[in-house]
Amino acid sequence: MTEHEVFYSTLTKTLNELTKQVAALVDQQNSVDQQKKVVYTNKEMMGLLDASSATLKKWRDLGFLSYSVVGSSYFYSHQDVDDFLRNNHYEAYRFS
């Protein structure tokens, strides 16, 4: 292999590796953006909180979970989710 061929081979490998790293960062950012949704549907909340529709309704009816309703569709803001989790948060403790 000539000096130029070695250089271009090394350059190509480096560019391919950088391309993979950038693609991984983009995928990671897209995942983070998806987790920071502004509004969640009832179905998304069921998956997010691993709760049934009936459980979400109970939490809404009891005032534990804030929401918005348009027609027959329920929507939850990111703030609604944060407030719900903060209000139902328990600090860790250990036995002495």
PDB file of N, CA and C in Angstrom:
ATOM      1  N   MET A   1       0.841  -1.184   0.000  1.00  0.00           N
ATOM      2  CA  MET A   1       0.000   0.000   0.000  1.00  0.00           C
ATOM      3  C   MET A   1       0.885   1.246   0.000  1.00  0.00           C
ATOM      4  N   THR A   2       0.475   2.212  -0.801  1.00  0.00           N
ATOM      5  CA  THR A   2       1.243   3.456  -0.840  1.00  0.00           C
ATOM      6  C   THR A   2       0.887   4.316   0.360  1.00  0.00           C
ATOM      7  N   GLU A   3       1.674   5.326   0.553  1.00  0.00           N
ATOM      8  CA  GLU A   3       1.446   6.259   1.662  1.00  0.00           C
ATOM      9  C   GLU A   3       0.070   6.924   1.524  1.00  0.00           C
ATOM     10  N   HIS A   4      -0.303   7.293   0.313  1.00  0.00           N
ATOM     11  CA  HIS A   4      -1.614   7.940   0.081  1.00  0.00           C
ATOM     12  C   HIS A   4      -2.761   6.967   0.353  1.00  0.00           C
ATOM     13  N   GLU A   5      -2.608   5.728  -0.040  1.00  0.00           N
ATOM     14  CA  GLU A   5      -3.656   4.721   0.189  1.00  0.00           C
ATOM     15  C   GLU A   5      -3.854   4.477   1.683  1.00  0.00           C
ATOM     16  N   VAL A   6      -2.764   4.428   2.432  1.00  0.00           N
ATOM     17  CA  VAL A   6      -2.851   4.256   3.888  1.00  0.00           C
ATOM     18  C   VAL A   6      -3.569   5.450   4.510  1.00  0.00           C
ATOM     19  N   PHE A   7      -3.208   6.653   4.057  1.00  0.00           N
ATOM     20  CA  PHE A   7      -3.834   7.869   4.576  1.00  0.00           C
ATOM     21  C   PHE A   7      -5.342   7.846   4.309  1.00  0.00           C
ATOM     22  N   TYR A   8      -5.753   7.559   3.072  1.00  0.00           N
ATOM     23  CA  TYR A   8      -7.174   7.562   2.731  1.00  0.00           C
ATOM     24  C   TYR A   8      -7.929   6.430   3.417  1.00  0.00           C
ATOM     25  N   SER A   9      -7.289   5.312   3.600  1.00  0.00           N
ATOM     26  CA  SER A   9      -7.916   4.201   4.319  1.00  0.00           C
ATOM     27  C   SER A   9      -8.170   4.585   5.778  1.00  0.00           C
ATOM     28  N   THR A  10      -7.162   5.182   6.400  1.00  0.00           N
ATOM     29  CA  THR A  10      -7.296   5.630   7.791  1.00  0.00           C
ATOM     30  C   THR A  10      -8.350   6.719   7.904  1.00  0.00           C
ATOM     31  N   LEU A  11      -8.336   7.649   6.969  1.00  0.00           N
ATOM     32  CA  LEU A  11      -9.317   8.734   6.958  1.00  0.00           C
ATOM     33  C   LEU A  11     -10.731   8.182   6.804  1.00  0.00           C
ATOM     34  N   THR A  12     -10.922   7.235   5.905  1.00  0.00           N
ATOM     35  CA  THR A  12     -12.236   6.631   5.678  1.00  0.00           C
ATOM     36  C   THR A  12     -12.733   5.923   6.938  1.00  0.00           C
ATOM     37  N   LYS A  13     -11.862   5.172   7.586  1.00  0.00           N
ATOM     38  CA  LYS A  13     -12.242   4.478   8.824  1.00  0.00           C
ATOM     39  C   LYS A  13     -12.629   5.480   9.907  1.00  0.00           C
ATOM     40  N   THR A  14     -11.879   6.535  10.036  1.00  0.00           N
ATOM     41  CA  THR A  14     -12.162   7.570  11.034  1.00  0.00           C
ATOM     42  C   THR A  14     -13.497   8.243  10.748  1.00  0.00           C
ATOM     43  N   LEU A  15     -13.753   8.585   9.491  1.00  0.00           N
ATOM     44  CA  LEU A  15     -15.024   9.220   9.122  1.00  0.00           C
ATOM     45  C   LEU A  15     -16.208   8.287   9.359  1.00  0.00           C
ATOM     46  N   ASN A  16     -16.036   7.021   9.061  1.00  0.00           N
ATOM     47  CA  ASN A  16     -17.110   6.048   9.321  1.00  0.00           C
ATOM     48  C   ASN A  16     -17.400   5.947  10.812  1.00  0.00           C
ATOM     49  N   GLU A  17     -16.366   5.934  11.622  1.00  0.00           N
ATOM     50  CA  GLU A  17     -16.556   5.873  13.080  1.00  0.00           C
ATOM     51  C   GLU A  17     -17.254   7.132  13.591  1.00  0.00           C
ATOM     52  N   LEU A  18     -16.841   8.291  13.105  1.00  0.00           N
ATOM     53  CA  LEU A  18     -17.488   9.549  13.504  1.00  0.00           C
ATOM     54  C   LEU A  18     -18.951   9.572  13.085  1.00  0.00           C
ATOM     55  N   THR A  19     -19.246   9.062  11.904  1.00  0.00           N
ATOM     56  CA  THR A  19     -20.628   8.999  11.422  1.00  0.00           C
ATOM     57  C   THR A  19     -21.474   8.136  12.355  1.00  0.00           C
ATOM     58  N   LYS A  20     -20.938   6.999  12.783  1.00  0.00           N
ATOM     59  CA  LYS A  20     -21.652   6.125  13.721  1.00  0.00           C
ATOM     60  C   LYS A  20     -21.889   6.832  15.055  1.00  0.00           C
ATOM     61  N   GLN A  21     -20.888   7.556  15.545  1.00  0.00           N
ATOM     62  CA  GLN A  21     -21.021   8.254  16.820  1.00  0.00           C
ATOM     63  C   GLN A  21     -22.073   9.365  16.736  1.00  0.00           C
ATOM     64  N   VAL A  22     -22.072  10.098  15.620  1.00  0.00           N
ATOM     65  CA  VAL A  22     -23.073  11.160  15.441  1.00  0.00           C
ATOM     66  C   VAL A  22     -24.462  10.547  15.362  1.00  0.00           C
ATOM     67  N   ALA A  23     -24.615   9.456  14.647  1.00  0.00           N
ATOM     68  CA  ALA A  23     -25.916   8.789  14.546  1.00  0.00           C
ATOM     69  C   ALA A  23     -26.393   8.330  15.922  1.00  0.00           C
ATOM     70  N   ALA A  24     -25.486   7.806  16.739  1.00  0.00           N
ATOM     71  CA  ALA A  24     -25.844   7.377  18.092  1.00  0.00           C
ATOM     72  C   ALA A  24     -26.287   8.560  18.944  1.00  0.00           C
ATOM     73  N   LEU A  25     -25.595   9.686  18.818  1.00  0.00           N
ATOM     74  CA  LEU A  25     -25.978  10.890  19.572  1.00  0.00           C
ATOM     75  C   LEU A  25     -27.340  11.408  19.134  1.00  0.00           C
ATOM     76  N   VAL A  26     -27.618  11.377  17.838  1.00  0.00           N
ATOM     77  CA  VAL A  26     -28.922  11.812  17.330  1.00  0.00           C
ATOM     78  C   VAL A  26     -30.012  10.901  17.873  1.00  0.00           C
ATOM     79  N   ASP A  27     -29.785   9.579  17.854  1.00  0.00           N
ATOM     80  CA  ASP A  27     -30.765   8.644  18.403  1.00  0.00           C
ATOM     81  C   ASP A  27     -31.002   8.901  19.888  1.00  0.00           C
ATOM     82  N   GLN A  28     -29.921   9.164  20.615  1.00  0.00           N
ATOM     83  CA  GLN A  28     -30.034   9.443  22.046  1.00  0.00           C
ATOM     84  C   GLN A  28     -30.834  10.720  22.287  1.00  0.00           C
ATOM     85  N   GLN A  29     -30.571  11.763  21.514  1.00  0.00           N
ATOM     86  CA  GLN A  29     -31.293  13.022  21.666  1.00  0.00           C
ATOM     87  C   GLN A  29     -32.770  12.843  21.326  1.00  0.00           C
ATOM     88  N   ASN A  30     -33.056  12.080  20.288  1.00  0.00           N
ATOM     89  CA  ASN A  30     -34.453  11.819  19.922  1.00  0.00           C
ATOM     90  C   ASN A  30     -35.168  11.085  21.038  1.00  0.00           C
ATOM     91  N   SER A  31     -34.467  10.175  21.703  1.00  0.00           N
ATOM     92  CA  SER A  31     -35.052   9.452  22.826  1.00  0.00           C
ATOM     93  C   SER A  31     -35.341  10.402  23.984  1.00  0.00           C
ATOM     94  N   VAL A  32     -34.408  11.300  24.268  1.00  0.00           N
ATOM     95  CA  VAL A  32     -34.597  12.291  25.338  1.00  0.00           C
ATOM     96  C   VAL A  32     -35.759  13.210  24.988  1.00  0.00           C
ATOM     97  N   ASP A  33     -35.824  13.672  23.736  1.00  0.00           N
ATOM     98  CA  ASP A  33     -36.914  14.548  23.315  1.00  0.00           C
ATOM     99  C   ASP A  33     -38.254  13.854  23.462  1.00  0.00           C
ATOM    100  N   GLN A  34     -38.313  12.561  23.143  1.00  0.00           N
ATOM    101  CA  GLN A  34     -39.565  11.814  23.265  1.00  0.00           C
ATOM    102  C   GLN A  34     -39.994  11.739  24.728  1.00  0.00           C
ATOM    103  N   GLN A  35     -39.028  11.601  25.639  1.00  0.00           N
ATOM    104  CA  GLN A  35     -39.346  11.531  27.060  1.00  0.00           C
ATOM    105  C   GLN A  35     -39.816  12.869  27.613  1.00  0.00           C
ATOM    106  N   LYS A  36     -39.511  13.958  26.935  1.00  0.00           N
ATOM    107  CA  LYS A  36     -39.880  15.287  27.402  1.00  0.00           C
ATOM    108  C   LYS A  36     -41.088  15.823  26.636  1.00  0.00           C
ATOM    109  N   LYS A  37     -42.010  14.965  26.307  1.00  0.00           N
ATOM    110  CA  LYS A  37     -43.183  15.405  25.580  1.00  0.00           C
ATOM    111  C   LYS A  37     -43.901  16.484  26.382  1.00  0.00           C
ATOM    112  N   VAL A  38     -44.556  17.378  25.680  1.00  0.00           N
ATOM    113  CA  VAL A  38     -45.290  18.457  26.330  1.00  0.00           C
ATOM    114  C   VAL A  38     -46.663  17.968  26.780  1.00  0.00           C
ATOM    115  N   VAL A  39     -47.295  17.139  25.966  1.00  0.00           N
ATOM    116  CA  VAL A  39     -48.645  16.652  26.267  1.00  0.00           C
ATOM    117  C   VAL A  39     -48.699  15.144  26.058  1.00  0.00           C
ATOM    118  N   TYR A  40     -49.341  14.455  27.001  1.00  0.00           N
ATOM    119  CA  TYR A  40     -49.518  13.016  26.912  1.00  0.00           C
ATOM    120  C   TYR A  40     -51.000  12.702  26.759  1.00  0.00           C
ATOM    121  N   THR A  41     -51.308  11.709  25.945  1.00  0.00           N
ATOM    122  CA  THR A  41     -52.687  11.237  25.823  1.00  0.00           C
ATOM    123  C   THR A  41     -52.956  10.256  26.960  1.00  0.00           C
ATOM    124  N   ASN A  42     -54.220   9.888  27.106  1.00  0.00           N
ATOM    125  CA  ASN A  42     -54.582   8.916  28.138  1.00  0.00           C
ATOM    126  C   ASN A  42     -53.830   7.601  27.901  1.00  0.00           C
ATOM    127  N   LYS A  43     -53.758   7.172  26.648  1.00  0.00           N
ATOM    128  CA  LYS A  43     -53.071   5.921  26.316  1.00  0.00           C
ATOM    129  C   LYS A  43     -51.586   6.012  26.668  1.00  0.00           C
ATOM    130  N   GLU A  44     -50.954   7.141  26.351  1.00  0.00           N
ATOM    131  CA  GLU A  44     -49.541   7.311  26.685  1.00  0.00           C
ATOM    132  C   GLU A  44     -49.329   7.305  28.196  1.00  0.00           C
ATOM    133  N   MET A  45     -50.242   7.923  28.929  1.00  0.00           N
ATOM    134  CA  MET A  45     -50.127   7.941  30.393  1.00  0.00           C
ATOM    135  C   MET A  45     -50.276   6.538  30.966  1.00  0.00           C
ATOM    136  N   MET A  46     -51.159   5.736  30.366  1.00  0.00           N
ATOM    137  CA  MET A  46     -51.321   4.361  30.822  1.00  0.00           C
ATOM    138  C   MET A  46     -49.992   3.615  30.708  1.00  0.00           C
ATOM    139  N   GLY A  47     -49.289   3.811  29.602  1.00  0.00           N
ATOM    140  CA  GLY A  47     -47.991   3.166  29.425  1.00  0.00           C
ATOM    141  C   GLY A  47     -46.923   3.774  30.308  1.00  0.00           C
ATOM    142  N   LEU A  48     -46.938   5.101  30.420  1.00  0.00           N
ATOM    143  CA  LEU A  48     -45.921   5.798  31.205  1.00  0.00           C
ATOM    144  C   LEU A  48     -45.983   5.417  32.681  1.00  0.00           C
ATOM    145  N   LEU A  49     -47.189   5.341  33.222  1.00  0.00           N
ATOM    146  CA  LEU A  49     -47.364   5.059  34.648  1.00  0.00           C
ATOM    147  C   LEU A  49     -47.732   3.602  34.925  1.00  0.00           C
ATOM    148  N   ASP A  50     -47.805   2.797  33.869  1.00  0.00           N
ATOM    149  CA  ASP A  50     -48.195   1.388  34.000  1.00  0.00           C
ATOM    150  C   ASP A  50     -49.497   1.274  34.786  1.00  0.00           C
ATOM    151  N   ALA A  51     -50.487   2.033  34.344  1.00  0.00           N
ATOM    152  CA  ALA A  51     -51.786   2.085  35.022  1.00  0.00           C
ATOM    153  C   ALA A  51     -52.888   1.869  34.006  1.00  0.00           C
ATOM    154  N   SER A  52     -53.995   1.332  34.467  1.00  0.00           N
ATOM    155  CA  SER A  52     -55.140   1.129  33.584  1.00  0.00           C
ATOM    156  C   SER A  52     -55.902   2.440  33.412  1.00  0.00           C
ATOM    157  N   SER A  53     -56.801   2.449  32.457  1.00  0.00           N
ATOM    158  CA  SER A  53     -57.652   3.615  32.234  1.00  0.00           C
ATOM    159  C   SER A  53     -58.494   3.898  33.472  1.00  0.00           C
ATOM    160  N   ALA A  54     -58.978   2.837  34.111  1.00  0.00           N
ATOM    161  CA  ALA A  54     -59.796   2.996  35.325  1.00  0.00           C
ATOM    162  C   ALA A  54     -58.973   3.618  36.457  1.00  0.00           C
ATOM    163  N   THR A  55     -57.712   3.238  36.567  1.00  0.00           N
ATOM    164  CA  THR A  55     -56.852   3.806  37.611  1.00  0.00           C
ATOM    165  C   THR A  55     -56.605   5.286  37.350  1.00  0.00           C
ATOM    166  N   LEU A  56     -56.339   5.646  36.094  1.00  0.00           N
ATOM    167  CA  LEU A  56     -56.163   7.064  35.772  1.00  0.00           C
ATOM    168  C   LEU A  56     -57.426   7.847  36.114  1.00  0.00           C
ATOM    169  N   LYS A  57     -58.582   7.279  35.793  1.00  0.00           N
ATOM    170  CA  LYS A  57     -59.850   7.947  36.103  1.00  0.00           C
ATOM    171  C   LYS A  57     -59.994   8.138  37.611  1.00  0.00           C
ATOM    172  N   LYS A  58     -59.658   7.119  38.380  1.00  0.00           N
ATOM    173  CA  LYS A  58     -59.729   7.223  39.845  1.00  0.00           C
ATOM    174  C   LYS A  58     -58.810   8.327  40.349  1.00  0.00           C
ATOM    175  N   TRP A  59     -57.583   8.378  39.840  1.00  0.00           N
ATOM    176  CA  TRP A  59     -56.646   9.421  40.265  1.00  0.00           C
ATOM    177  C   TRP A  59     -57.143  10.804  39.877  1.00  0.00           C
ATOM    178  N   ARG A  60     -57.762  10.927  38.689  1.00  0.00           N
ATOM    179  CA  ARG A  60     -58.337  12.223  38.276  1.00  0.00           C
ATOM    180  C   ARG A  60     -59.485  12.594  39.206  1.00  0.00           C
ATOM    181  N   ASP A  61     -60.401  11.643  39.438  1.00  0.00           N
ATOM    182  CA  ASP A  61     -61.583  11.900  40.266  1.00  0.00           C
ATOM    183  C   ASP A  61     -61.219  12.263  41.700  1.00  0.00           C
ATOM    184  N   LEU A  62     -60.147  11.673  42.216  1.00  0.00           N
ATOM    185  CA  LEU A  62     -59.710  11.958  43.585  1.00  0.00           C
ATOM    186  C   LEU A  62     -58.844  13.213  43.678  1.00  0.00           C
ATOM    187  N   GLY A  63     -58.542  13.806  42.521  1.00  0.00           N
ATOM    188  CA  GLY A  63     -57.741  15.030  42.515  1.00  0.00           C
ATOM    189  C   GLY A  63     -56.246  14.792  42.619  1.00  0.00           C
ATOM    190  N   PHE A  64     -55.813  13.550  42.442  1.00  0.00           N
ATOM    191  CA  PHE A  64     -54.387  13.244  42.513  1.00  0.00           C
ATOM    192  C   PHE A  64     -53.668  13.620  41.229  1.00  0.00           C
ATOM    193  N   LEU A  65     -54.367  13.555  40.104  1.00  0.00           N
ATOM    194  CA  LEU A  65     -53.750  13.745  38.796  1.00  0.00           C
ATOM    195  C   LEU A  65     -54.508  14.825  38.030  1.00  0.00           C
ATOM    196  N   SER A  66     -53.829  15.915  37.753  1.00  0.00           N
ATOM    197  CA  SER A  66     -54.435  17.004  36.981  1.00  0.00           C
ATOM    198  C   SER A  66     -54.485  16.616  35.509  1.00  0.00           C
ATOM    199  N   TYR A  67     -55.384  17.237  34.780  1.00  0.00           N
ATOM    200  CA  TYR A  67     -55.567  16.879  33.375  1.00  0.00           C
ATOM    201  C   TYR A  67     -56.320  17.980  32.649  1.00  0.00           C
ATOM    202  N   SER A  68     -56.357  17.837  31.333  1.00  0.00           N
ATOM    203  CA  SER A  68     -57.197  18.678  30.482  1.00  0.00           C
ATOM    204  C   SER A  68     -58.074  17.734  29.687  1.00  0.00           C
ATOM    205  N   VAL A  69     -59.257  18.183  29.374  1.00  0.00           N
ATOM    206  CA  VAL A  69     -60.170  17.350  28.598  1.00  0.00           C
ATOM    207  C   VAL A  69     -60.707  18.160  27.422  1.00  0.00           C
ATOM    208  N   VAL A  70     -60.695  17.551  26.256  1.00  0.00           N
ATOM    209  CA  VAL A  70     -61.259  18.153  25.051  1.00  0.00           C
ATOM    210  C   VAL A  70     -62.202  17.111  24.477  1.00  0.00           C
ATOM    211  N   GLY A  71     -63.484  17.433  24.524  1.00  0.00           N
ATOM    212  CA  GLY A  71     -64.477  16.432  24.112  1.00  0.00           C
ATOM    213  C   GLY A  71     -64.399  15.261  25.066  1.00  0.00           C
ATOM    214  N   SER A  72     -64.117  14.078  24.524  1.00  0.00           N
ATOM    215  CA  SER A  72     -63.989  12.891  25.377  1.00  0.00           C
ATOM    216  C   SER A  72     -62.528  12.440  25.505  1.00  0.00           C
ATOM    217  N   SER A  73     -61.594  13.299  25.080  1.00  0.00           N
ATOM    218  CA  SER A  73     -60.171  12.954  25.146  1.00  0.00           C
ATOM    219  C   SER A  73     -59.499  13.654  26.324  1.00  0.00           C
ATOM    220  N   TYR A  74     -58.709  12.891  27.061  1.00  0.00           N
ATOM    221  CA  TYR A  74     -57.967  13.419  28.208  1.00  0.00           C
ATOM    222  C   TYR A  74     -56.518  13.645  27.817  1.00  0.00           C
ATOM    223  N   PHE A  75     -55.975  14.749  28.308  1.00  0.00           N
ATOM    224  CA  PHE A  75     -54.592  15.099  28.034  1.00  0.00           C
ATOM    225  C   PHE A  75     -53.916  15.507  29.338  1.00  0.00           C
ATOM    226  N   TYR A  76     -52.636  15.195  29.417  1.00  0.00           N
ATOM    227  CA  TYR A  76     -51.861  15.477  30.618  1.00  0.00           C
ATOM    228  C   TYR A  76     -50.595  16.215  30.206  1.00  0.00           C
ATOM    229  N   SER A  77     -50.318  17.320  30.871  1.00  0.00           N
ATOM    230  CA  SER A  77     -49.103  18.077  30.570  1.00  0.00           C
ATOM    231  C   SER A  77     -47.920  17.446  31.294  1.00  0.00           C
ATOM    232  N   HIS A  78     -46.743  17.824  30.848  1.00  0.00           N
ATOM    233  CA  HIS A  78     -45.527  17.375  31.523  1.00  0.00           C
ATOM    234  C   HIS A  78     -45.568  17.816  32.990  1.00  0.00           C
ATOM    235  N   GLN A  79     -46.088  19.005  33.225  1.00  0.00           N
ATOM    236  CA  GLN A  79     -46.202  19.525  34.596  1.00  0.00           C
ATOM    237  C   GLN A  79     -47.176  18.678  35.418  1.00  0.00           C
ATOM    238  N   ASP A  80     -48.279  18.224  34.800  1.00  0.00           N
ATOM    239  CA  ASP A  80     -49.228  17.344  35.503  1.00  0.00           C
ATOM    240  C   ASP A  80     -48.521  16.078  35.983  1.00  0.00           C
ATOM    241  N   VAL A  81     -47.696  15.498  35.110  1.00  0.00           N
ATOM    242  CA  VAL A  81     -46.968  14.278  35.452  1.00  0.00           C
ATOM    243  C   VAL A  81     -45.966  14.569  36.567  1.00  0.00           C
ATOM    244  N   ASP A  82     -45.203  15.654  36.437  1.00  0.00           N
ATOM    245  CA  ASP A  82     -44.222  16.017  37.470  1.00  0.00           C
ATOM    246  C   ASP A  82     -44.899  16.243  38.818  1.00  0.00           C
ATOM    247  N   ASP A  83     -46.003  16.979  38.824  1.00  0.00           N
ATOM    248  CA  ASP A  83     -46.724  17.247  40.075  1.00  0.00           C
ATOM    249  C   ASP A  83     -47.235  15.954  40.701  1.00  0.00           C
ATOM    250  N   PHE A  84     -47.805  15.081  39.874  1.00  0.00           N
ATOM    251  CA  PHE A  84     -48.330  13.807  40.375  1.00  0.00           C
ATOM    252  C   PHE A  84     -47.217  12.987  41.025  1.00  0.00           C
ATOM    253  N   LEU A  85     -46.086  12.891  40.334  1.00  0.00           N
ATOM    254  CA  LEU A  85     -44.978  12.104  40.888  1.00  0.00           C
ATOM    255  C   LEU A  85     -44.387  12.742  42.138  1.00  0.00           C
ATOM    256  N   ARG A  86     -44.276  14.064  42.140  1.00  0.00           N
ATOM    257  CA  ARG A  86     -43.734  14.757  43.316  1.00  0.00           C
ATOM    258  C   ARG A  86     -44.673  14.591  44.513  1.00  0.00           C
ATOM    259  N   ASN A  87     -45.972  14.700  44.290  1.00  0.00           N
ATOM    260  CA  ASN A  87     -46.941  14.592  45.382  1.00  0.00           C
ATOM    261  C   ASN A  87     -47.060  13.165  45.922  1.00  0.00           C
ATOM    262  N   ASN A  88     -46.609  12.195  45.147  1.00  0.00           N
ATOM    263  CA  ASN A  88     -46.689  10.797  45.566  1.00  0.00           C
ATOM    264  C   ASN A  88     -45.300  10.192  45.751  1.00  0.00           C
ATOM    265  N   HIS A  89     -44.348  11.047  46.066  1.00  0.00           N
ATOM    266  CA  HIS A  89     -42.964  10.624  46.236  1.00  0.00           C
ATOM    267  C   HIS A  89     -42.675  10.355  47.710  1.00  0.00           C
ATOM    268  N   TYR A  90     -41.974   9.285  47.956  1.00  0.00           N
ATOM    269  CA  TYR A  90     -41.556   8.947  49.308  1.00  0.00           C
ATOM    270  C   TYR A  90     -40.036   8.837  49.328  1.00  0.00           C
ATOM    271  N   GLU A  91     -39.428   9.474  50.297  1.00  0.00           N
ATOM    272  CA  GLU A  91     -37.978   9.424  50.434  1.00  0.00           C
ATOM    273  C   GLU A  91     -37.541   8.011  50.827  1.00  0.00           C
ATOM    274  N   ALA A  92     -36.386   7.623  50.370  1.00  0.00           N
ATOM    275  CA  ALA A  92     -35.826   6.325  50.727  1.00  0.00           C
ATOM    276  C   ALA A  92     -35.408   6.350  52.195  1.00  0.00           C
ATOM    277  N   TYR A  93     -35.512   5.217  52.817  1.00  0.00           N
ATOM    278  CA  TYR A  93     -35.063   5.099  54.204  1.00  0.00           C
ATOM    279  C   TYR A  93     -34.501   3.703  54.381  1.00  0.00           C
ATOM    280  N   ARG A  94     -33.724   3.551  55.396  1.00  0.00           N
ATOM    281  CA  ARG A  94     -33.219   2.220  55.693  1.00  0.00           C
ATOM    282  C   ARG A  94     -33.309   1.978  57.188  1.00  0.00           C
ATOM    283  N   PHE A  95     -33.430   0.734  57.500  1.00  0.00           N
ATOM    284  CA  PHE A  95     -33.524   0.370  58.902  1.00  0.00           C
ATOM    285  C   PHE A  95     -32.139   0.385  59.519  1.00  0.00           C
ATOM    286  N   SER A  96     -32.085   0.839  60.771  1.00  0.00           N
ATOM    287  CA  SER A  96     -30.796   0.889  61.462  1.00  0.00           C
ATOM    288  C   SER A  96     -30.523  -0.398  62.189  1.00  0.00           C
TER     289      SER A  96
END
